[in-house]
């Protein structure tokens, strides 16, 4: 661990314990969605997405 303190490490590790309900997860997914563009979007529209 370079340049960090024990408190910094504990705060960051504590963030791993955060849980989101379904509504908040959907909001985060919508906000972070990335338009993949062609050909990915065309394939998704035609039902070839995984």
PDB file of N, CA and C in Angstrom:
ATOM      1  N   UNK A   1       0.847  -1.165   0.000  1.00  0.00           N
ATOM      2  CA  UNK A   1       0.000   0.000   0.000  1.00  0.00           C
ATOM      3  C   UNK A   1       0.896   1.232   0.000  1.00  0.00           C
ATOM      4  N   UNK A   2       0.873   1.981  -1.071  1.00  0.00           N
ATOM      5  CA  UNK A   2       1.689   3.178  -1.181  1.00  0.00           C
ATOM      6  C   UNK A   2       0.838   4.423  -0.982  1.00  0.00           C
ATOM      7  N   UNK A   3       1.282   5.316  -0.114  1.00  0.00           N
ATOM      8  CA  UNK A   3       0.638   6.607   0.036  1.00  0.00           C
ATOM      9  C   UNK A   3      -0.713   6.575   0.721  1.00  0.00           C
ATOM     10  N   UNK A   4      -1.106   5.460   1.281  1.00  0.00           N
ATOM     11  CA  UNK A   4      -2.405   5.374   1.946  1.00  0.00           C
ATOM     12  C   UNK A   4      -2.241   5.208   3.439  1.00  0.00           C
ATOM     13  N   UNK A   5      -3.303   5.480   4.139  1.00  0.00           N
ATOM     14  CA  UNK A   5      -3.290   5.270   5.580  1.00  0.00           C
ATOM     15  C   UNK A   5      -4.204   4.104   5.901  1.00  0.00           C
ATOM     16  N   UNK A   6      -4.112   3.647   7.110  1.00  0.00           N
ATOM     17  CA  UNK A   6      -4.987   2.550   7.530  1.00  0.00           C
ATOM     18  C   UNK A   6      -6.453   2.985   7.445  1.00  0.00           C
ATOM     19  N   UNK A   7      -6.748   4.226   7.846  1.00  0.00           N
ATOM     20  CA  UNK A   7      -8.118   4.739   7.774  1.00  0.00           C
ATOM     21  C   UNK A   7      -8.626   4.780   6.344  1.00  0.00           C
ATOM     22  N   UNK A   8      -7.769   5.192   5.439  1.00  0.00           N
ATOM     23  CA  UNK A   8      -8.127   5.243   4.010  1.00  0.00           C
ATOM     24  C   UNK A   8      -8.457   3.843   3.521  1.00  0.00           C
ATOM     25  N   UNK A   9      -7.631   2.882   3.878  1.00  0.00           N
ATOM     26  CA  UNK A   9      -7.852   1.504   3.463  1.00  0.00           C
ATOM     27  C   UNK A   9      -9.156   0.959   4.052  1.00  0.00           C
ATOM     28  N   UNK A  10      -9.405   1.225   5.319  1.00  0.00           N
ATOM     29  CA  UNK A  10     -10.628   0.742   5.948  1.00  0.00           C
ATOM     30  C   UNK A  10     -11.865   1.376   5.305  1.00  0.00           C
ATOM     31  N   UNK A  11     -11.810   2.669   4.979  1.00  0.00           N
ATOM     32  CA  UNK A  11     -12.934   3.331   4.315  1.00  0.00           C
ATOM     33  C   UNK A  11     -13.207   2.719   2.950  1.00  0.00           C
ATOM     34  N   UNK A  12     -12.168   2.459   2.193  1.00  0.00           N
ATOM     35  CA  UNK A  12     -12.341   1.877   0.863  1.00  0.00           C
ATOM     36  C   UNK A  12     -12.861   0.441   0.939  1.00  0.00           C
ATOM     37  N   UNK A  13     -12.361  -0.320   1.867  1.00  0.00           N
ATOM     38  CA  UNK A  13     -12.850  -1.685   2.028  1.00  0.00           C
ATOM     39  C   UNK A  13     -14.284  -1.679   2.536  1.00  0.00           C
ATOM     40  N   UNK A  14     -14.641  -0.716   3.373  1.00  0.00           N
ATOM     41  CA  UNK A  14     -16.006  -0.592   3.858  1.00  0.00           C
ATOM     42  C   UNK A  14     -16.985  -0.313   2.738  1.00  0.00           C
ATOM     43  N   UNK A  15     -16.537   0.380   1.695  1.00  0.00           N
ATOM     44  CA  UNK A  15     -17.399   0.683   0.557  1.00  0.00           C
ATOM     45  C   UNK A  15     -17.826  -0.586  -0.173  1.00  0.00           C
ATOM     46  N   UNK A  16     -17.087  -1.661  -0.026  1.00  0.00           N
ATOM     47  CA  UNK A  16     -17.443  -2.922  -0.675  1.00  0.00           C
ATOM     48  C   UNK A  16     -18.696  -3.541  -0.069  1.00  0.00           C
ATOM     49  N   UNK A  17     -19.074  -3.084   1.117  1.00  0.00           N
ATOM     50  CA  UNK A  17     -20.226  -3.653   1.809  1.00  0.00           C
ATOM     51  C   UNK A  17     -21.537  -2.944   1.466  1.00  0.00           C
ATOM     52  N   UNK A  18     -21.499  -1.947   0.597  1.00  0.00           N
ATOM     53  CA  UNK A  18     -22.701  -1.207   0.223  1.00  0.00           C
ATOM     54  C   UNK A  18     -23.578  -2.093  -0.654  1.00  0.00           C
ATOM     55  N   UNK A  19     -24.877  -2.108  -0.359  1.00  0.00           N
ATOM     56  CA  UNK A  19     -25.823  -2.872  -1.167  1.00  0.00           C
ATOM     57  C   UNK A  19     -26.912  -1.934  -1.665  1.00  0.00           C
ATOM     58  N   UNK A  20     -27.340  -2.107  -2.909  1.00  0.00           N
ATOM     59  CA  UNK A  20     -28.370  -1.288  -3.515  1.00  0.00           C
ATOM     60  C   UNK A  20     -29.635  -2.118  -3.694  1.00  0.00           C
ATOM     61  N   UNK A  21     -30.806  -1.466  -3.481  1.00  0.00           N
ATOM     62  CA  UNK A  21     -32.050  -2.173  -3.756  1.00  0.00           C
ATOM     63  C   UNK A  21     -32.274  -2.196  -5.269  1.00  0.00           C
ATOM     64  N   UNK A  22     -33.289  -2.913  -5.711  1.00  0.00           N
ATOM     65  CA  UNK A  22     -33.542  -3.105  -7.142  1.00  0.00           C
ATOM     66  C   UNK A  22     -33.733  -1.775  -7.869  1.00  0.00           C
ATOM     67  N   UNK A  23     -34.482  -0.864  -7.262  1.00  0.00           N
ATOM     68  CA  UNK A  23     -34.754   0.435  -7.895  1.00  0.00           C
ATOM     69  C   UNK A  23     -33.465   1.212  -8.130  1.00  0.00           C
ATOM     70  N   UNK A  24     -32.607   1.278  -7.122  1.00  0.00           N
ATOM     71  CA  UNK A  24     -31.355   2.019  -7.262  1.00  0.00           C
ATOM     72  C   UNK A  24     -30.416   1.338  -8.257  1.00  0.00           C
ATOM     73  N   UNK A  25     -30.412   0.015  -8.272  1.00  0.00           N
ATOM     74  CA  UNK A  25     -29.577  -0.702  -9.233  1.00  0.00           C
ATOM     75  C   UNK A  25     -30.012  -0.407 -10.658  1.00  0.00           C
ATOM     76  N   UNK A  26     -31.338  -0.364 -10.886  1.00  0.00           N
ATOM     77  CA  UNK A  26     -31.850  -0.042 -12.219  1.00  0.00           C
ATOM     78  C   UNK A  26     -31.480   1.378 -12.622  1.00  0.00           C
ATOM     79  N   UNK A  27     -31.539   2.319 -11.678  1.00  0.00           N
ATOM     80  CA  UNK A  27     -31.146   3.700 -11.973  1.00  0.00           C
ATOM     81  C   UNK A  27     -29.665   3.782 -12.329  1.00  0.00           C
ATOM     82  N   UNK A  28     -28.825   3.076 -11.588  1.00  0.00           N
ATOM     83  CA  UNK A  28     -27.392   3.072 -11.885  1.00  0.00           C
ATOM     84  C   UNK A  28     -27.108   2.431 -13.244  1.00  0.00           C
ATOM     85  N   UNK A  29     -27.798   1.339 -13.544  1.00  0.00           N
ATOM     86  CA  UNK A  29     -27.621   0.673 -14.837  1.00  0.00           C
ATOM     87  C   UNK A  29     -28.011   1.599 -15.983  1.00  0.00           C
ATOM     88  N   UNK A  30     -29.139   2.312 -15.833  1.00  0.00           N
ATOM     89  CA  UNK A  30     -29.597   3.230 -16.883  1.00  0.00           C
ATOM     90  C   UNK A  30     -28.625   4.395 -17.053  1.00  0.00           C
ATOM     91  N   UNK A  31     -28.126   4.919 -15.939  1.00  0.00           N
ATOM     92  CA  UNK A  31     -27.218   6.068 -16.000  1.00  0.00           C
ATOM     93  C   UNK A  31     -25.860   5.705 -16.597  1.00  0.00           C
ATOM     94  N   UNK A  32     -25.450   4.450 -16.435  1.00  0.00           N
ATOM     95  CA  UNK A  32     -24.124   4.049 -16.912  1.00  0.00           C
ATOM     96  C   UNK A  32     -24.167   3.272 -18.224  1.00  0.00           C
ATOM     97  N   UNK A  33     -25.348   3.167 -18.822  1.00  0.00           N
ATOM     98  CA  UNK A  33     -25.465   2.431 -20.087  1.00  0.00           C
ATOM     99  C   UNK A  33     -24.642   3.117 -21.178  1.00  0.00           C
ATOM    100  N   UNK A  34     -23.979   2.326 -21.967  1.00  0.00           N
ATOM    101  CA  UNK A  34     -23.126   2.825 -23.042  1.00  0.00           C
ATOM    102  C   UNK A  34     -23.694   2.355 -24.378  1.00  0.00           C
ATOM    103  N   UNK A  35     -23.883   3.288 -25.295  1.00  0.00           N
ATOM    104  CA  UNK A  35     -24.335   2.936 -26.641  1.00  0.00           C
ATOM    105  C   UNK A  35     -23.150   2.317 -27.379  1.00  0.00           C
ATOM    106  N   UNK A  36     -23.263   1.043 -27.692  1.00  0.00           N
ATOM    107  CA  UNK A  36     -22.147   0.339 -28.325  1.00  0.00           C
ATOM    108  C   UNK A  36     -22.043   0.623 -29.818  1.00  0.00           C
ATOM    109  N   UNK A  37     -23.104   1.189 -30.390  1.00  0.00           N
ATOM    110  CA  UNK A  37     -23.052   1.537 -31.807  1.00  0.00           C
ATOM    111  C   UNK A  37     -23.138   0.321 -32.712  1.00  0.00           C
ATOM    112  N   UNK A  38     -22.900   0.549 -33.982  1.00  0.00           N
ATOM    113  CA  UNK A  38     -22.950  -0.490 -34.993  1.00  0.00           C
ATOM    114  C   UNK A  38     -21.713  -1.375 -34.878  1.00  0.00           C
ATOM    115  N   UNK A  39     -21.810  -2.656 -35.009  1.00  0.00           N
ATOM    116  CA  UNK A  39     -22.949  -3.499 -35.341  1.00  0.00           C
ATOM    117  C   UNK A  39     -23.704  -4.007 -34.110  1.00  0.00           C
ATOM    118  N   UNK A  40     -23.219  -3.688 -32.906  1.00  0.00           N
ATOM    119  CA  UNK A  40     -23.790  -4.252 -31.685  1.00  0.00           C
ATOM    120  C   UNK A  40     -25.264  -3.898 -31.507  1.00  0.00           C
ATOM    121  N   UNK A  41     -25.612  -2.629 -31.724  1.00  0.00           N
ATOM    122  CA  UNK A  41     -27.004  -2.219 -31.552  1.00  0.00           C
ATOM    123  C   UNK A  41     -27.904  -2.867 -32.607  1.00  0.00           C
ATOM    124  N   UNK A  42     -27.430  -2.994 -33.823  1.00  0.00           N
ATOM    125  CA  UNK A  42     -28.220  -3.642 -34.872  1.00  0.00           C
ATOM    126  C   UNK A  42     -28.445  -5.110 -34.536  1.00  0.00           C
ATOM    127  N   UNK A  43     -27.445  -5.790 -34.055  1.00  0.00           N
ATOM    128  CA  UNK A  43     -27.585  -7.191 -33.676  1.00  0.00           C
ATOM    129  C   UNK A  43     -28.550  -7.355 -32.510  1.00  0.00           C
ATOM    130  N   UNK A  44     -28.491  -6.430 -31.546  1.00  0.00           N
ATOM    131  CA  UNK A  44     -29.404  -6.486 -30.407  1.00  0.00           C
ATOM    132  C   UNK A  44     -30.841  -6.329 -30.875  1.00  0.00           C
ATOM    133  N   UNK A  45     -31.090  -5.392 -31.796  1.00  0.00           N
ATOM    134  CA  UNK A  45     -32.449  -5.161 -32.294  1.00  0.00           C
ATOM    135  C   UNK A  45     -32.994  -6.384 -33.010  1.00  0.00           C
ATOM    136  N   UNK A  46     -32.145  -7.160 -33.648  1.00  0.00           N
ATOM    137  CA  UNK A  46     -32.584  -8.340 -34.384  1.00  0.00           C
ATOM    138  C   UNK A  46     -32.540  -9.608 -33.526  1.00  0.00           C
ATOM    139  N   UNK A  47     -32.290  -9.450 -32.233  1.00  0.00           N
ATOM    140  CA  UNK A  47     -32.366 -10.578 -31.323  1.00  0.00           C
ATOM    141  C   UNK A  47     -31.110 -11.415 -31.213  1.00  0.00           C
ATOM    142  N   UNK A  48     -29.968 -10.886 -31.602  1.00  0.00           N
ATOM    143  CA  UNK A  48     -28.731 -11.666 -31.527  1.00  0.00           C
ATOM    144  C   UNK A  48     -27.882 -11.335 -30.302  1.00  0.00           C
ATOM    145  N   UNK A  49     -28.422 -10.535 -29.387  1.00  0.00           N
ATOM    146  CA  UNK A  49     -27.669 -10.175 -28.179  1.00  0.00           C
ATOM    147  C   UNK A  49     -27.677 -11.331 -27.202  1.00  0.00           C
ATOM    148  N   UNK A  50     -26.650 -11.424 -26.389  1.00  0.00           N
ATOM    149  CA  UNK A  50     -26.556 -12.477 -25.379  1.00  0.00           C
ATOM    150  C   UNK A  50     -27.412 -12.151 -24.208  1.00  0.00           C
TER     151      UNK A  50
END
